[in-house]
């Protein structure tokens, strides 16, 4: 089982992108990627909204997320969110332990 959280950071004047760039350049994103239980921590830019950045953040279980939320990195993230005056929307998904259902696999090109 994996838990994936999609975080949409929205700001003004390119601030969401500046936030993601600083998360990367400061090494904070790399530190999160190296945390126990982190499976993915990647930023993406939606083509339809230049003021939003999507973070796809996946963890092996809730315990891993809880440890991440209790880590000192959360204060750095909160500081950067404030610096860039970002607002957030969150979606949360739990993976199917059986993978892609067979009826859906015909639509996936490997």
N, C-alpha and C. Protein backbone atom coordinates (compact mmCIF):
# COMPACT_ATOMS: atom_id res chain seq x y z
N UNK A 1 0.83 -1.17 0.00
CA UNK A 1 0.00 0.00 0.00
C UNK A 1 0.88 1.24 0.00
N UNK A 2 0.50 2.24 -0.75
CA UNK A 2 1.14 3.54 -0.73
C UNK A 2 0.07 4.60 -0.55
N UNK A 3 0.47 5.69 0.05
CA UNK A 3 -0.41 6.84 0.19
C UNK A 3 0.20 7.97 -0.63
N UNK A 4 -0.57 8.51 -1.55
CA UNK A 4 -0.11 9.62 -2.38
C UNK A 4 -0.94 10.85 -2.07
N UNK A 5 -0.23 11.95 -1.86
CA UNK A 5 -0.88 13.22 -1.58
C UNK A 5 -0.50 14.17 -2.71
N UNK A 6 -1.50 14.70 -3.38
CA UNK A 6 -1.28 15.72 -4.40
C UNK A 6 -1.54 17.07 -3.75
N UNK A 7 -0.52 17.91 -3.72
CA UNK A 7 -0.66 19.24 -3.15
C UNK A 7 -0.53 20.26 -4.28
N UNK A 8 -1.56 21.07 -4.43
CA UNK A 8 -1.57 22.12 -5.44
C UNK A 8 -1.24 23.43 -4.73
N UNK A 9 -0.08 23.99 -5.01
CA UNK A 9 0.34 25.28 -4.45
C UNK A 9 0.01 26.36 -5.46
N UNK A 10 -0.77 27.35 -5.03
CA UNK A 10 -1.16 28.43 -5.93
C UNK A 10 -0.77 29.76 -5.31
N UNK A 11 -0.21 30.63 -6.15
CA UNK A 11 0.18 31.96 -5.70
C UNK A 11 -0.03 32.97 -6.81
N UNK A 12 0.71 34.06 -6.74
CA UNK A 12 0.64 35.11 -7.76
C UNK A 12 2.06 35.43 -8.22
N UNK A 13 2.15 35.96 -9.42
CA UNK A 13 3.43 36.44 -9.96
C UNK A 13 4.52 35.37 -9.98
N UNK A 14 4.14 34.13 -10.27
CA UNK A 14 5.13 33.06 -10.36
C UNK A 14 5.63 32.54 -9.04
N UNK A 15 4.98 32.91 -7.92
CA UNK A 15 5.48 32.52 -6.61
C UNK A 15 5.44 31.02 -6.35
N UNK A 16 4.47 30.32 -6.92
CA UNK A 16 4.42 28.87 -6.69
C UNK A 16 5.65 28.21 -7.32
N UNK A 17 6.00 28.65 -8.51
CA UNK A 17 7.19 28.09 -9.16
C UNK A 17 8.46 28.48 -8.39
N UNK A 18 8.53 29.71 -7.90
CA UNK A 18 9.69 30.14 -7.10
C UNK A 18 9.82 29.29 -5.84
N UNK A 19 8.67 28.97 -5.21
CA UNK A 19 8.67 28.11 -4.03
C UNK A 19 9.28 26.75 -4.36
N UNK A 20 8.79 26.11 -5.43
CA UNK A 20 9.30 24.79 -5.83
C UNK A 20 10.79 24.86 -6.16
N UNK A 21 11.19 25.91 -6.85
CA UNK A 21 12.61 26.06 -7.19
C UNK A 21 13.47 26.21 -5.94
N UNK A 22 12.97 26.95 -4.94
CA UNK A 22 13.74 27.10 -3.71
C UNK A 22 13.75 25.80 -2.89
N UNK A 23 12.66 25.06 -2.92
CA UNK A 23 12.64 23.75 -2.25
C UNK A 23 13.73 22.86 -2.84
N UNK A 24 13.89 22.91 -4.15
CA UNK A 24 14.92 22.11 -4.81
C UNK A 24 16.32 22.66 -4.55
N UNK A 25 16.51 23.96 -4.78
CA UNK A 25 17.86 24.54 -4.68
C UNK A 25 18.39 24.56 -3.24
N UNK A 26 17.51 24.61 -2.26
CA UNK A 26 17.93 24.63 -0.85
C UNK A 26 18.29 23.23 -0.35
N UNK A 27 17.93 22.22 -1.12
CA UNK A 27 18.20 20.85 -0.70
C UNK A 27 17.09 20.24 0.15
N UNK A 28 16.06 21.03 0.45
CA UNK A 28 14.97 20.54 1.29
C UNK A 28 14.23 19.38 0.61
N UNK A 29 13.95 19.50 -0.68
CA UNK A 29 13.26 18.43 -1.40
C UNK A 29 14.10 17.15 -1.39
N UNK A 30 15.40 17.27 -1.57
CA UNK A 30 16.27 16.09 -1.54
C UNK A 30 16.26 15.42 -0.17
N UNK A 31 16.24 16.23 0.87
CA UNK A 31 16.20 15.66 2.22
C UNK A 31 14.89 14.91 2.45
N UNK A 32 13.79 15.45 1.94
CA UNK A 32 12.51 14.77 2.08
C UNK A 32 12.53 13.45 1.31
N UNK A 33 13.09 13.48 0.11
CA UNK A 33 13.18 12.25 -0.69
C UNK A 33 13.99 11.15 0.01
N UNK A 34 14.91 11.56 0.87
CA UNK A 34 15.74 10.57 1.56
C UNK A 34 15.13 10.10 2.88
N UNK A 35 13.99 10.65 3.26
CA UNK A 35 13.35 10.23 4.50
C UNK A 35 12.83 8.79 4.36
N UNK A 36 12.89 8.08 5.47
CA UNK A 36 12.37 6.72 5.51
C UNK A 36 10.90 6.70 5.10
N UNK A 37 10.58 5.88 4.13
CA UNK A 37 9.19 5.72 3.70
C UNK A 37 8.77 6.61 2.55
N UNK A 38 9.61 7.58 2.16
CA UNK A 38 9.23 8.41 1.01
C UNK A 38 9.44 7.64 -0.27
N UNK A 39 8.43 7.64 -1.12
CA UNK A 39 8.50 6.93 -2.39
C UNK A 39 8.55 7.88 -3.58
N UNK A 40 8.06 9.09 -3.41
CA UNK A 40 8.08 10.07 -4.51
C UNK A 40 7.86 11.46 -3.92
N UNK A 41 8.61 12.41 -4.44
CA UNK A 41 8.45 13.81 -4.06
C UNK A 41 8.87 14.63 -5.27
N UNK A 42 7.90 14.94 -6.13
CA UNK A 42 8.20 15.60 -7.40
C UNK A 42 7.22 16.74 -7.67
N UNK A 43 7.76 17.82 -8.20
CA UNK A 43 6.95 18.99 -8.58
C UNK A 43 6.65 18.97 -10.07
N UNK A 44 5.44 19.41 -10.42
CA UNK A 44 4.99 19.51 -11.81
C UNK A 44 4.24 20.82 -12.00
N UNK A 45 4.24 21.31 -13.23
CA UNK A 45 3.53 22.56 -13.55
C UNK A 45 2.37 22.25 -14.49
N UNK A 46 1.12 22.47 -14.05
CA UNK A 46 -0.03 22.27 -14.94
C UNK A 46 0.01 23.25 -16.11
N UNK A 47 -0.20 22.76 -17.31
CA UNK A 47 -0.16 23.61 -18.50
C UNK A 47 -1.29 24.64 -18.50
N UNK A 48 -2.41 24.31 -17.86
CA UNK A 48 -3.57 25.20 -17.89
C UNK A 48 -3.55 26.28 -16.81
N UNK A 49 -2.57 26.24 -15.89
CA UNK A 49 -2.55 27.21 -14.78
C UNK A 49 -1.11 27.57 -14.42
N UNK A 50 -0.57 28.65 -14.99
CA UNK A 50 0.83 29.00 -14.72
C UNK A 50 1.10 29.48 -13.29
N UNK A 51 0.07 29.70 -12.51
CA UNK A 51 0.25 30.16 -11.12
C UNK A 51 0.15 29.02 -10.11
N UNK A 52 0.10 27.79 -10.60
CA UNK A 52 -0.01 26.62 -9.71
C UNK A 52 1.12 25.64 -9.99
N UNK A 53 1.61 25.05 -8.90
CA UNK A 53 2.58 23.96 -8.98
C UNK A 53 1.96 22.77 -8.25
N UNK A 54 2.07 21.60 -8.85
CA UNK A 54 1.57 20.37 -8.24
C UNK A 54 2.74 19.60 -7.65
N UNK A 55 2.61 19.22 -6.40
CA UNK A 55 3.56 18.33 -5.76
C UNK A 55 2.89 16.97 -5.63
N UNK A 56 3.53 15.93 -6.17
CA UNK A 56 3.08 14.57 -5.96
C UNK A 56 4.02 13.97 -4.91
N UNK A 57 3.44 13.61 -3.78
CA UNK A 57 4.18 13.21 -2.59
C UNK A 57 3.65 11.84 -2.15
N UNK A 58 4.45 10.78 -2.31
CA UNK A 58 3.99 9.43 -1.99
C UNK A 58 4.82 8.83 -0.85
N UNK A 59 4.13 8.10 0.02
CA UNK A 59 4.74 7.49 1.20
C UNK A 59 4.27 6.05 1.31
N UNK A 60 5.09 5.22 1.95
CA UNK A 60 4.74 3.80 2.05
C UNK A 60 3.57 3.55 3.00
N UNK A 61 3.36 4.43 3.99
CA UNK A 61 2.26 4.25 4.93
C UNK A 61 2.03 5.53 5.74
N UNK A 62 0.98 5.52 6.56
CA UNK A 62 0.64 6.70 7.35
C UNK A 62 1.72 7.02 8.38
N UNK A 63 2.34 6.00 8.95
CA UNK A 63 3.40 6.22 9.93
C UNK A 63 4.53 7.06 9.33
N UNK A 64 4.89 6.77 8.08
CA UNK A 64 5.95 7.53 7.40
C UNK A 64 5.55 8.99 7.22
N UNK A 65 4.29 9.21 6.88
CA UNK A 65 3.79 10.60 6.73
C UNK A 65 3.83 11.30 8.08
N UNK A 66 3.39 10.62 9.13
CA UNK A 66 3.38 11.22 10.47
C UNK A 66 4.79 11.60 10.91
N UNK A 67 5.77 10.73 10.65
CA UNK A 67 7.16 11.05 11.00
C UNK A 67 7.66 12.26 10.20
N UNK A 68 7.29 12.31 8.93
CA UNK A 68 7.66 13.46 8.09
C UNK A 68 7.05 14.74 8.66
N UNK A 69 5.77 14.69 9.02
CA UNK A 69 5.10 15.88 9.55
C UNK A 69 5.69 16.33 10.89
N UNK A 70 6.29 15.41 11.62
CA UNK A 70 6.93 15.75 12.90
C UNK A 70 8.38 16.18 12.74
N UNK A 71 8.91 16.14 11.52
CA UNK A 71 10.32 16.45 11.29
C UNK A 71 10.55 17.96 11.25
N UNK A 72 11.81 18.37 11.47
CA UNK A 72 12.16 19.79 11.41
C UNK A 72 11.95 20.41 10.02
N UNK A 73 11.88 19.58 8.99
CA UNK A 73 11.69 20.12 7.64
C UNK A 73 10.33 20.79 7.47
N UNK A 74 9.36 20.41 8.28
CA UNK A 74 8.03 21.00 8.14
C UNK A 74 8.06 22.50 8.46
N UNK A 75 8.92 22.91 9.38
CA UNK A 75 9.01 24.35 9.67
C UNK A 75 9.63 25.10 8.49
N UNK A 76 10.60 24.48 7.81
CA UNK A 76 11.19 25.09 6.62
C UNK A 76 10.16 25.22 5.51
N UNK A 77 9.36 24.17 5.31
CA UNK A 77 8.31 24.20 4.29
C UNK A 77 7.29 25.29 4.62
N UNK A 78 6.87 25.35 5.87
CA UNK A 78 5.89 26.37 6.29
C UNK A 78 6.45 27.77 6.09
N UNK A 79 7.72 27.95 6.39
CA UNK A 79 8.38 29.24 6.21
C UNK A 79 8.36 29.66 4.73
N UNK A 80 8.66 28.72 3.85
CA UNK A 80 8.66 29.03 2.42
C UNK A 80 7.24 29.28 1.88
N UNK A 81 6.27 28.55 2.41
CA UNK A 81 4.87 28.79 2.00
C UNK A 81 4.47 30.22 2.35
N UNK A 82 4.85 30.65 3.54
CA UNK A 82 4.55 32.02 3.96
C UNK A 82 5.31 33.04 3.11
N UNK A 83 6.59 32.79 2.89
CA UNK A 83 7.42 33.69 2.10
C UNK A 83 6.80 33.96 0.74
N UNK A 84 6.25 32.91 0.11
CA UNK A 84 5.69 33.06 -1.23
C UNK A 84 4.17 33.23 -1.23
N UNK A 85 3.58 33.35 -0.04
CA UNK A 85 2.14 33.61 0.12
C UNK A 85 1.31 32.61 -0.70
N UNK A 86 1.53 31.33 -0.45
CA UNK A 86 0.87 30.29 -1.21
C UNK A 86 -0.37 29.76 -0.51
N UNK A 87 -1.33 29.37 -1.32
CA UNK A 87 -2.54 28.70 -0.85
C UNK A 87 -2.50 27.29 -1.39
N UNK A 88 -3.16 26.37 -0.69
CA UNK A 88 -3.04 24.97 -1.05
C UNK A 88 -4.40 24.30 -1.20
N UNK A 89 -4.40 23.31 -2.09
CA UNK A 89 -5.52 22.38 -2.22
C UNK A 89 -4.89 20.99 -2.19
N UNK A 90 -5.52 20.06 -1.48
CA UNK A 90 -4.91 18.74 -1.26
C UNK A 90 -5.88 17.63 -1.68
N UNK A 91 -5.31 16.63 -2.33
CA UNK A 91 -6.03 15.40 -2.66
C UNK A 91 -5.20 14.25 -2.10
N UNK A 92 -5.87 13.23 -1.61
CA UNK A 92 -5.17 12.09 -0.99
C UNK A 92 -5.70 10.80 -1.60
N UNK A 93 -4.77 9.90 -1.95
CA UNK A 93 -5.11 8.64 -2.59
C UNK A 93 -4.37 7.50 -1.91
N UNK A 94 -5.04 6.37 -1.79
CA UNK A 94 -4.42 5.16 -1.27
C UNK A 94 -4.38 4.17 -2.43
N UNK A 95 -3.19 3.62 -2.69
CA UNK A 95 -3.03 2.73 -3.83
C UNK A 95 -3.75 1.41 -3.60
N UNK A 96 -4.15 0.83 -4.70
CA UNK A 96 -4.74 -0.50 -4.70
C UNK A 96 -3.61 -1.50 -4.57
N UNK A 97 -3.66 -2.34 -3.56
CA UNK A 97 -2.59 -3.30 -3.33
C UNK A 97 -2.42 -4.28 -4.48
N UNK A 98 -3.45 -4.45 -5.28
CA UNK A 98 -3.38 -5.40 -6.39
C UNK A 98 -2.89 -4.76 -7.68
N UNK A 99 -2.52 -3.49 -7.64
CA UNK A 99 -2.05 -2.82 -8.85
C UNK A 99 -3.20 -2.40 -9.75
N UNK A 100 -2.94 -2.34 -11.04
CA UNK A 100 -3.93 -1.90 -12.01
C UNK A 100 -4.95 -3.02 -12.24
N UNK A 101 -6.25 -2.73 -12.07
CA UNK A 101 -7.25 -3.76 -12.35
C UNK A 101 -7.15 -4.22 -13.80
N UNK A 102 -7.38 -5.50 -14.04
CA UNK A 102 -7.20 -6.06 -15.38
C UNK A 102 -8.06 -5.35 -16.42
N UNK A 103 -9.25 -4.91 -16.05
CA UNK A 103 -10.09 -4.23 -17.03
C UNK A 103 -9.51 -2.87 -17.44
N UNK A 104 -8.65 -2.29 -16.62
CA UNK A 104 -8.00 -1.01 -16.96
C UNK A 104 -6.69 -1.20 -17.69
N UNK A 105 -6.06 -2.35 -17.56
CA UNK A 105 -4.72 -2.55 -18.12
C UNK A 105 -4.69 -2.43 -19.63
N UNK A 106 -5.80 -2.68 -20.30
CA UNK A 106 -5.82 -2.56 -21.78
C UNK A 106 -5.66 -1.12 -22.25
N UNK A 107 -5.84 -0.16 -21.35
CA UNK A 107 -5.71 1.25 -21.72
C UNK A 107 -4.33 1.81 -21.41
N UNK A 108 -3.47 1.00 -20.83
CA UNK A 108 -2.14 1.46 -20.42
C UNK A 108 -1.10 0.96 -21.41
N UNK A 109 -0.35 1.89 -21.95
CA UNK A 109 0.72 1.55 -22.89
C UNK A 109 2.04 1.54 -22.14
N UNK A 110 2.70 0.42 -22.10
CA UNK A 110 3.98 0.30 -21.40
C UNK A 110 5.13 0.54 -22.36
